[in-house]
Amino acid sequence: MTDEDAGIQEIAAAYYDDEITIDQLTELVGAETAASLRVLKQQLDEDFINEVTDA
């Protein structure tokens, strides 16, 4: 893993934990990567909701 990849992972984690906004994320990683991370966050949230409601 490169230093850049590690940095993006740290930034993504901050976004997933609601420590930074989508606007801050976009500024830090660029529009394309931010869009991908936003979709992933939505999918993760939906999966979590489904798991909780199915339990």
C-alpha atoms as a PDB file:
ATOM      1  CA  MET A   1       0.000   0.000   0.000  1.00  0.00           C
ATOM      2  CA  THR A   2       1.334   3.413  -0.882  1.00  0.00           C
ATOM      3  CA  ASP A   3       1.365   6.419   1.401  1.00  0.00           C
ATOM      4  CA  GLU A   4      -1.280   7.985  -0.832  1.00  0.00           C
ATOM      5  CA  ASP A   5      -3.561   4.940  -0.459  1.00  0.00           C
ATOM      6  CA  ALA A   6      -3.116   5.021   3.306  1.00  0.00           C
ATOM      7  CA  GLY A   7      -3.982   8.706   3.364  1.00  0.00           C
ATOM      8  CA  ILE A   8      -7.128   8.148   1.328  1.00  0.00           C
ATOM      9  CA  GLN A   9      -8.150   5.336   3.669  1.00  0.00           C
ATOM     10  CA  GLU A  10      -7.732   7.623   6.681  1.00  0.00           C
ATOM     11  CA  ILE A  11      -9.761  10.356   4.995  1.00  0.00           C
ATOM     12  CA  ALA A  12     -12.456   7.854   4.003  1.00  0.00           C
ATOM     13  CA  ALA A  13     -12.640   6.584   7.582  1.00  0.00           C
ATOM     14  CA  ALA A  14     -13.142  10.139   8.826  1.00  0.00           C
ATOM     15  CA  TYR A  15     -15.961  10.574   6.295  1.00  0.00           C
ATOM     16  CA  TYR A  16     -17.604   7.265   7.233  1.00  0.00           C
ATOM     17  CA  ASP A  17     -17.439   8.287  10.901  1.00  0.00           C
ATOM     18  CA  ASP A  18     -19.059  11.660  10.041  1.00  0.00           C
ATOM     19  CA  GLU A  19     -15.944  13.544  11.143  1.00  0.00           C
ATOM     20  CA  ILE A  20     -15.748  15.392   7.798  1.00  0.00           C
ATOM     21  CA  THR A  21     -18.408  16.482   5.321  1.00  0.00           C
ATOM     22  CA  ILE A  22     -18.797  15.466   1.690  1.00  0.00           C
ATOM     23  CA  ASP A  23     -17.513  18.913   0.697  1.00  0.00           C
ATOM     24  CA  GLN A  24     -14.371  18.449   2.781  1.00  0.00           C
ATOM     25  CA  LEU A  25     -13.958  14.944   1.389  1.00  0.00           C
ATOM     26  CA  THR A  26     -14.206  16.263  -2.179  1.00  0.00           C
ATOM     27  CA  GLU A  27     -11.569  18.902  -1.489  1.00  0.00           C
ATOM     28  CA  LEU A  28      -9.220  16.306  -0.030  1.00  0.00           C
ATOM     29  CA  VAL A  29      -9.550  13.438  -2.520  1.00  0.00           C
ATOM     30  CA  GLY A  30     -11.167  14.932  -5.627  1.00  0.00           C
ATOM     31  CA  ALA A  31     -14.675  14.687  -7.026  1.00  0.00           C
ATOM     32  CA  GLU A  32     -14.429  11.222  -8.572  1.00  0.00           C
ATOM     33  CA  THR A  33     -13.022   9.489  -5.492  1.00  0.00           C
ATOM     34  CA  ALA A  34     -15.428  11.381  -3.225  1.00  0.00           C
ATOM     35  CA  ALA A  35     -18.385  10.231  -5.331  1.00  0.00           C
ATOM     36  CA  SER A  36     -17.241   6.616  -5.069  1.00  0.00           C
ATOM     37  CA  LEU A  37     -16.782   6.865  -1.317  1.00  0.00           C
ATOM     38  CA  ARG A  38     -20.196   8.492  -0.931  1.00  0.00           C
ATOM     39  CA  VAL A  39     -21.884   5.623  -2.783  1.00  0.00           C
ATOM     40  CA  LEU A  40     -19.986   3.083  -0.694  1.00  0.00           C
ATOM     41  CA  LYS A  41     -21.036   4.828   2.523  1.00  0.00           C
ATOM     42  CA  GLN A  42     -24.679   4.720   1.416  1.00  0.00           C
ATOM     43  CA  GLN A  43     -24.387   1.026   0.583  1.00  0.00           C
ATOM     44  CA  LEU A  44     -22.754   0.268   3.909  1.00  0.00           C
ATOM     45  CA  ASP A  45     -25.490   2.161   5.742  1.00  0.00           C
ATOM     46  CA  GLU A  46     -28.202   0.282   3.832  1.00  0.00           C
ATOM     47  CA  ASP A  47     -26.546  -3.067   4.573  1.00  0.00           C
ATOM     48  CA  PHE A  48     -26.315  -2.207   8.256  1.00  0.00           C
ATOM     49  CA  ILE A  49     -29.987  -1.202   8.368  1.00  0.00           C
ATOM     50  CA  ASN A  50     -30.979  -4.421   6.640  1.00  0.00           C
ATOM     51  CA  GLU A  51     -28.924  -6.515   9.059  1.00  0.00           C
ATOM     52  CA  VAL A  52     -30.440  -4.797  12.078  1.00  0.00           C
ATOM     53  CA  THR A  53     -34.015  -5.089  10.821  1.00  0.00           C
ATOM     54  CA  ASP A  54     -33.534  -8.754   9.875  1.00  0.00           C
ATOM     55  CA  ALA A  55     -32.156  -9.667  13.319  1.00  0.00           C
END
